Amino acid sequence: IVPVIFSLIFLLGTVGNGLVLAVLLRNSQVKYNTTNLFILNLAMADLCFIICCVPFQATIYTLDGWLFGPFACKTVHFLIYLTMYASSFTLASVSVDRYLAIRYPLKSRDLRTSRNAGVAIIVIWSLSLLFAGPYLSYYHIVHYHGMPICVPIWEDQRRKILDILTFVFGYLLPVIVVSLAYARTIKFLWTSVDPLERISEARKAKRKVTKMIVAVAILFCLCWLPHHLVILCFWFGHFPFNRATYACRLASHCLSYANSCLNPIVYALISKHFRKRFKQVFTC
């Protein structure tokens, strides 16, 4: 069943994120819309993860050893965390962007420019490289009963510190930023007292976009939470190596990997604009 799950993730993620990129890159207005630029960046991170990581990770659960050499061992795990950081930082950035767009639509115009969004995306990837960099030396090839396997080689204390830092900066802090930003955004959208603004088309459009991005953020939080909980339980709880914990670890990996193929489904379900653009890609 594991090869089937990973194959579905790879297929849906590649096609879905490829369609999102096609839709956004064909839209001449995307470079003027900060939200679309962040969605484009998120799709690029997801597609990179799907193509560069999922096929290799699938072999861990289907083959007896690592067959791709030490370079791939280091690079694949580095890319997993690079794209995870890029996704979490992008979601935090777009949550702040949506809050400014809705709460201060006029005042934030000079700040919410495509140039500043581009700078933010460069900062996102720079920070992601910084935080994911240690994983280039975290994994290495060792031979177990003559079979090469790709495993962490750091001593326990260093591994523990890095895993905690990854949880705090790659998950906890972005989730806090996202939660606070969307809580304030939703409160303003649903409690604004201006009756004309409440029923305006602009307000309805903002609500739809916000609903879509909130759904994407919630999916990220839910999909990556088990992965981080398993790691925290390993360091701070009782986590013996048996079939039950192996199943938990496998399930947490599948769920976190699945996150990269779910966002296009959310766009298609919630946004009429994306559904229309998806159809246009196939009809051209």
Protein backbone atom coordinates (compact mmCIF):
# COMPACT_ATOMS: atom_id res chain seq x y z
CA ILE A 1 0.00 0.00 0.00
CA VAL A 2 2.94 2.37 0.64
CA PRO A 3 4.01 2.51 -3.05
CA VAL A 4 0.38 3.26 -4.00
CA ILE A 5 0.14 6.14 -1.51
CA PHE A 6 3.42 7.69 -2.62
CA SER A 7 2.50 7.23 -6.28
CA LEU A 8 -0.81 9.05 -5.73
CA ILE A 9 0.97 11.86 -3.88
CA PHE A 10 3.50 12.17 -6.71
CA LEU A 11 0.86 12.10 -9.46
CA LEU A 12 -1.59 14.51 -7.82
CA GLY A 13 1.18 16.83 -6.63
CA THR A 14 2.95 17.02 -9.97
CA VAL A 15 -0.20 17.56 -12.03
CA GLY A 16 -1.91 19.84 -9.49
CA ASN A 17 1.00 22.14 -8.77
CA GLY A 18 1.96 22.13 -12.45
CA LEU A 19 -1.54 23.38 -13.26
CA VAL A 20 -1.31 26.08 -10.58
CA LEU A 21 1.98 27.29 -12.06
CA ALA A 22 0.50 27.21 -15.57
CA VAL A 23 -2.55 29.20 -14.46
CA LEU A 24 -0.55 31.85 -12.64
CA LEU A 25 2.24 32.20 -15.20
CA ARG A 26 -0.30 32.60 -18.03
CA ASN A 27 -1.98 35.40 -16.10
CA SER A 28 -0.36 38.71 -17.03
CA GLN A 29 -1.70 40.29 -13.84
CA VAL A 30 0.05 37.86 -11.48
CA LYS A 31 3.14 40.04 -11.16
CA TYR A 32 0.98 42.88 -9.85
CA ASN A 33 -0.84 40.77 -7.25
CA THR A 34 1.11 40.01 -4.08
CA THR A 35 -1.18 37.16 -3.01
CA ASN A 36 -0.76 35.41 -6.36
CA LEU A 37 3.02 35.80 -6.13
CA PHE A 38 3.00 34.06 -2.75
CA ILE A 39 0.71 31.30 -4.09
CA LEU A 40 3.12 30.91 -7.02
CA ASN A 41 6.03 30.57 -4.59
CA LEU A 42 4.12 28.01 -2.53
CA ALA A 43 3.35 25.95 -5.64
CA MET A 44 7.02 26.05 -6.66
CA ALA A 45 8.09 24.80 -3.22
CA ASP A 46 5.49 22.02 -3.31
CA LEU A 47 6.46 20.95 -6.83
CA CYS A 48 10.14 20.91 -5.91
CA PHE A 49 9.35 18.70 -2.93
CA ILE A 50 7.14 16.35 -4.95
CA ILE A 51 9.66 15.83 -7.76
CA CYS A 52 12.94 15.85 -5.81
CA CYS A 53 11.94 14.13 -2.58
CA VAL A 54 8.87 11.90 -2.77
CA PRO A 55 10.24 9.30 -5.25
CA PHE A 56 13.41 8.83 -3.17
CA GLN A 57 11.57 8.73 0.16
CA ALA A 58 9.20 6.09 -1.20
CA THR A 59 12.13 3.70 -1.64
CA ILE A 60 12.92 3.86 2.08
CA TYR A 61 9.70 1.96 2.79
CA THR A 62 9.84 -0.35 -0.22
CA LEU A 63 13.53 -1.30 -0.63
CA ASP A 64 15.99 -2.83 1.81
CA GLY A 65 18.64 -0.15 1.37
CA TRP A 66 19.50 3.26 -0.07
CA LEU A 67 20.55 2.84 -3.69
CA PHE A 68 21.19 6.44 -4.73
CA GLY A 69 24.54 7.23 -3.12
CA PRO A 70 25.71 9.68 -0.44
CA PHE A 71 25.00 12.85 -2.45
CA ALA A 72 21.30 12.03 -2.87
CA CYS A 73 21.12 10.92 0.78
CA LYS A 74 22.19 14.38 1.92
CA THR A 75 20.42 16.39 -0.79
CA VAL A 76 16.98 14.75 -0.55
CA HIS A 77 16.69 15.32 3.20
CA PHE A 78 18.03 18.86 2.82
CA LEU A 79 15.35 19.58 0.18
CA ILE A 80 12.61 18.16 2.42
CA TYR A 81 13.36 20.72 5.10
CA LEU A 82 14.19 23.50 2.64
CA THR A 83 10.75 23.24 1.04
CA MET A 84 9.05 22.80 4.42
CA TYR A 85 10.59 26.04 5.67
CA ALA A 86 9.76 27.80 2.39
CA SER A 87 6.13 26.69 2.65
CA SER A 88 5.72 27.69 6.30
CA PHE A 89 7.40 31.07 5.81
CA THR A 90 5.32 31.71 2.68
CA LEU A 91 2.08 30.92 4.52
CA ALA A 92 3.10 33.26 7.35
CA SER A 93 3.90 36.00 4.83
CA VAL A 94 0.66 35.65 2.89
CA SER A 95 -1.34 35.71 6.15
CA VAL A 96 0.18 39.09 7.01
CA ASP A 97 -0.36 40.23 3.41
CA ARG A 98 -4.07 39.33 3.57
CA TYR A 99 -4.47 41.08 6.93
CA LEU A 100 -2.94 44.29 5.59
CA ALA A 101 -4.98 44.09 2.37
CA ILE A 102 -8.26 43.75 4.26
CA ARG A 103 -7.65 45.81 7.38
CA TYR A 104 -5.69 48.67 5.76
CA PRO A 105 -6.50 48.50 2.01
CA LEU A 106 -5.39 52.07 1.26
CA LYS A 107 -2.55 52.53 3.74
CA SER A 108 -0.90 49.24 2.75
CA ARG A 109 -0.83 49.87 -1.00
CA ASP A 110 2.69 51.30 -0.93
CA LEU A 111 3.86 48.33 1.13
CA ARG A 112 2.01 45.56 -0.72
CA THR A 113 3.79 45.95 -4.05
CA SER A 114 5.04 43.22 -6.36
CA ARG A 115 8.60 44.45 -5.76
CA ASN A 116 8.27 44.06 -1.99
CA ALA A 117 6.63 40.67 -2.45
CA GLY A 118 9.60 39.63 -4.59
CA VAL A 119 11.98 40.81 -1.87
CA ALA A 120 9.95 38.87 0.70
CA ILE A 121 10.20 35.71 -1.43
CA ILE A 122 13.98 36.13 -1.69
CA VAL A 123 14.15 36.51 2.10
CA ILE A 124 11.93 33.43 2.52
CA TRP A 125 14.27 31.24 0.45
CA SER A 126 17.38 32.73 2.06
CA LEU A 127 16.08 31.95 5.55
CA SER A 128 14.98 28.51 4.38
CA LEU A 129 18.50 27.81 3.10
CA LEU A 130 19.95 29.00 6.40
CA PHE A 131 17.69 26.83 8.56
CA ALA A 132 17.83 23.76 6.30
CA GLY A 133 21.58 23.97 5.70
CA PRO A 134 22.58 21.80 8.70
CA TYR A 135 20.66 18.87 7.20
CA LEU A 136 23.35 18.60 4.51
CA SER A 137 25.60 17.06 7.16
CA TYR A 138 22.83 15.48 9.27
CA TYR A 139 22.41 12.36 7.09
CA HIS A 140 25.00 10.00 5.71
CA ILE A 141 25.38 6.52 4.27
CA VAL A 142 26.22 3.69 6.67
CA HIS A 143 26.34 -0.02 5.94
CA TYR A 144 24.14 -2.37 7.93
CA HIS A 145 24.72 -6.07 7.24
CA GLY A 146 26.40 -5.02 4.00
CA MET A 147 23.43 -2.92 2.87
CA PRO A 148 23.81 0.88 2.47
CA ILE A 149 21.22 2.89 4.39
CA CYS A 150 20.71 6.65 4.69
CA VAL A 151 20.50 7.60 8.38
CA PRO A 152 21.23 10.52 10.75
CA ILE A 153 24.85 10.41 11.92
CA TRP A 154 24.93 13.33 14.36
CA GLU A 155 25.26 12.58 18.05
CA ASP A 156 21.98 12.55 19.96
CA GLN A 157 22.37 15.95 21.66
CA ARG A 158 23.06 17.78 18.40
CA ARG A 159 20.18 15.96 16.68
CA LYS A 160 17.85 16.87 19.53
CA ILE A 161 18.77 20.56 19.36
CA LEU A 162 18.32 20.70 15.58
CA ASP A 163 14.97 18.89 15.71
CA ILE A 164 13.71 21.30 18.38
CA LEU A 165 14.88 24.32 16.37
CA THR A 166 13.15 22.90 13.28
CA PHE A 167 9.90 22.50 15.21
CA VAL A 168 10.07 26.02 16.68
CA PHE A 169 11.15 27.97 13.58
CA GLY A 170 9.70 25.73 10.87
CA TYR A 171 6.32 25.06 12.45
CA LEU A 172 5.44 26.66 15.79
CA LEU A 173 6.33 30.31 15.09
CA PRO A 174 4.82 30.34 11.56
CA VAL A 175 1.64 28.74 12.93
CA ILE A 176 1.43 31.41 15.63
CA VAL A 177 1.86 34.19 13.03
CA VAL A 178 -0.73 32.60 10.74
CA SER A 179 -3.21 32.09 13.58
CA LEU A 180 -2.94 35.65 14.89
CA ALA A 181 -3.08 37.23 11.42
CA TYR A 182 -6.11 35.26 10.25
CA ALA A 183 -7.91 35.61 13.57
CA ARG A 184 -7.67 39.39 13.26
CA THR A 185 -8.52 39.27 9.55
CA ILE A 186 -11.62 37.12 10.03
CA LYS A 187 -12.75 39.20 13.00
CA PHE A 188 -12.53 42.36 10.91
CA LEU A 189 -14.25 40.80 7.89
CA TRP A 190 -17.19 39.49 9.86
CA THR A 191 -17.63 42.34 12.35
CA SER A 192 -17.06 45.42 10.18
CA VAL A 193 -19.98 47.77 10.76
CA ASP A 194 -20.04 49.53 7.38
CA PRO A 195 -23.16 48.05 5.69
CA LEU A 196 -22.17 49.21 2.21
CA GLU A 197 -18.71 47.71 2.54
CA ARG A 198 -20.13 44.49 3.96
CA ILE A 199 -22.16 43.68 0.85
CA SER A 200 -19.76 45.08 -1.74
CA GLU A 201 -18.29 42.85 -4.41
CA ALA A 202 -14.80 43.78 -3.26
CA ARG A 203 -15.56 42.55 0.25
CA LYS A 204 -17.03 39.30 -1.09
CA ALA A 205 -13.96 38.72 -3.25
CA LYS A 206 -11.66 39.36 -0.31
CA ARG A 207 -13.62 36.88 1.79
CA LYS A 208 -13.29 34.18 -0.87
CA VAL A 209 -9.54 34.68 -1.23
CA THR A 210 -9.11 34.72 2.54
CA LYS A 211 -11.19 31.55 2.91
CA MET A 212 -9.01 29.79 0.34
CA ILE A 213 -5.72 30.83 1.95
CA VAL A 214 -6.99 29.98 5.45
CA ALA A 215 -7.90 26.49 4.22
CA VAL A 216 -4.38 26.04 2.82
CA ALA A 217 -2.85 27.22 6.11
CA ILE A 218 -5.03 24.87 8.17
CA LEU A 219 -4.04 21.94 5.94
CA PHE A 220 -0.37 22.75 6.45
CA CYS A 221 -0.82 22.88 10.22
CA LEU A 222 -2.73 19.59 10.35
CA CYS A 223 -0.53 17.70 7.89
CA TRP A 224 2.79 18.60 9.50
CA LEU A 225 1.70 18.40 13.15
CA PRO A 226 1.94 14.56 13.43
CA HIS A 227 5.45 14.64 11.93
CA HIS A 228 6.67 17.07 14.58
CA LEU A 229 4.79 15.27 17.37
CA VAL A 230 6.48 11.97 16.47
CA ILE A 231 9.90 13.63 16.65
CA LEU A 232 9.09 15.33 19.97
CA CYS A 233 7.79 12.04 21.39
CA PHE A 234 11.02 10.37 20.31
CA TRP A 235 13.12 12.87 22.27
CA PHE A 236 10.88 13.63 25.24
CA GLY A 237 8.47 10.69 25.55
CA HIS A 238 8.32 6.93 25.29
CA PHE A 239 8.94 5.91 21.69
CA PRO A 240 10.13 2.29 21.44
CA PHE A 241 11.00 0.87 18.05
CA ASN A 242 8.19 -1.55 17.25
CA ARG A 243 5.47 -2.04 14.65
CA ALA A 244 3.11 0.48 16.25
CA THR A 245 5.66 3.30 16.33
CA TYR A 246 6.82 2.37 12.83
CA ALA A 247 3.22 2.71 11.62
CA CYS A 248 2.92 6.10 13.37
CA ARG A 249 6.13 7.29 11.77
CA LEU A 250 5.03 6.08 8.33
CA ALA A 251 1.59 7.69 8.69
CA SER A 252 3.11 11.00 9.81
CA HIS A 253 5.44 10.99 6.80
CA CYS A 254 2.64 10.20 4.36
CA LEU A 255 0.47 12.97 5.82
CA SER A 256 3.21 15.60 5.69
CA TYR A 257 4.12 14.60 2.14
CA ALA A 258 0.46 14.68 1.11
CA ASN A 259 0.29 18.34 2.08
CA SER A 260 2.19 19.21 -1.10
CA CYS A 261 -0.54 17.77 -3.33
CA LEU A 262 -3.59 19.13 -1.46
CA ASN A 263 -3.27 22.87 -2.11
CA PRO A 264 -4.33 22.71 -5.81
CA ILE A 265 -7.41 20.74 -4.73
CA VAL A 266 -8.30 23.52 -2.28
CA TYR A 267 -7.89 26.16 -5.00
CA ALA A 268 -10.16 24.18 -7.34
CA LEU A 269 -12.84 23.57 -4.70
CA ILE A 270 -13.04 27.11 -3.34
CA SER A 271 -12.06 29.44 -6.18
CA LYS A 272 -14.23 29.76 -9.30
CA HIS A 273 -11.39 31.74 -10.85
CA PHE A 274 -8.97 28.82 -10.48
CA ARG A 275 -11.52 26.32 -11.77
CA LYS A 276 -12.07 28.47 -14.85
CA ARG A 277 -8.34 28.89 -15.41
CA PHE A 278 -7.72 25.15 -14.94
CA LYS A 279 -10.24 24.42 -17.71
CA GLN A 280 -8.62 27.00 -19.98
CA VAL A 281 -5.25 25.28 -19.61
CA PHE A 282 -6.75 22.03 -20.93
CA THR A 283 -8.71 23.67 -23.75
CA CYS A 284 -5.81 25.63 -25.19
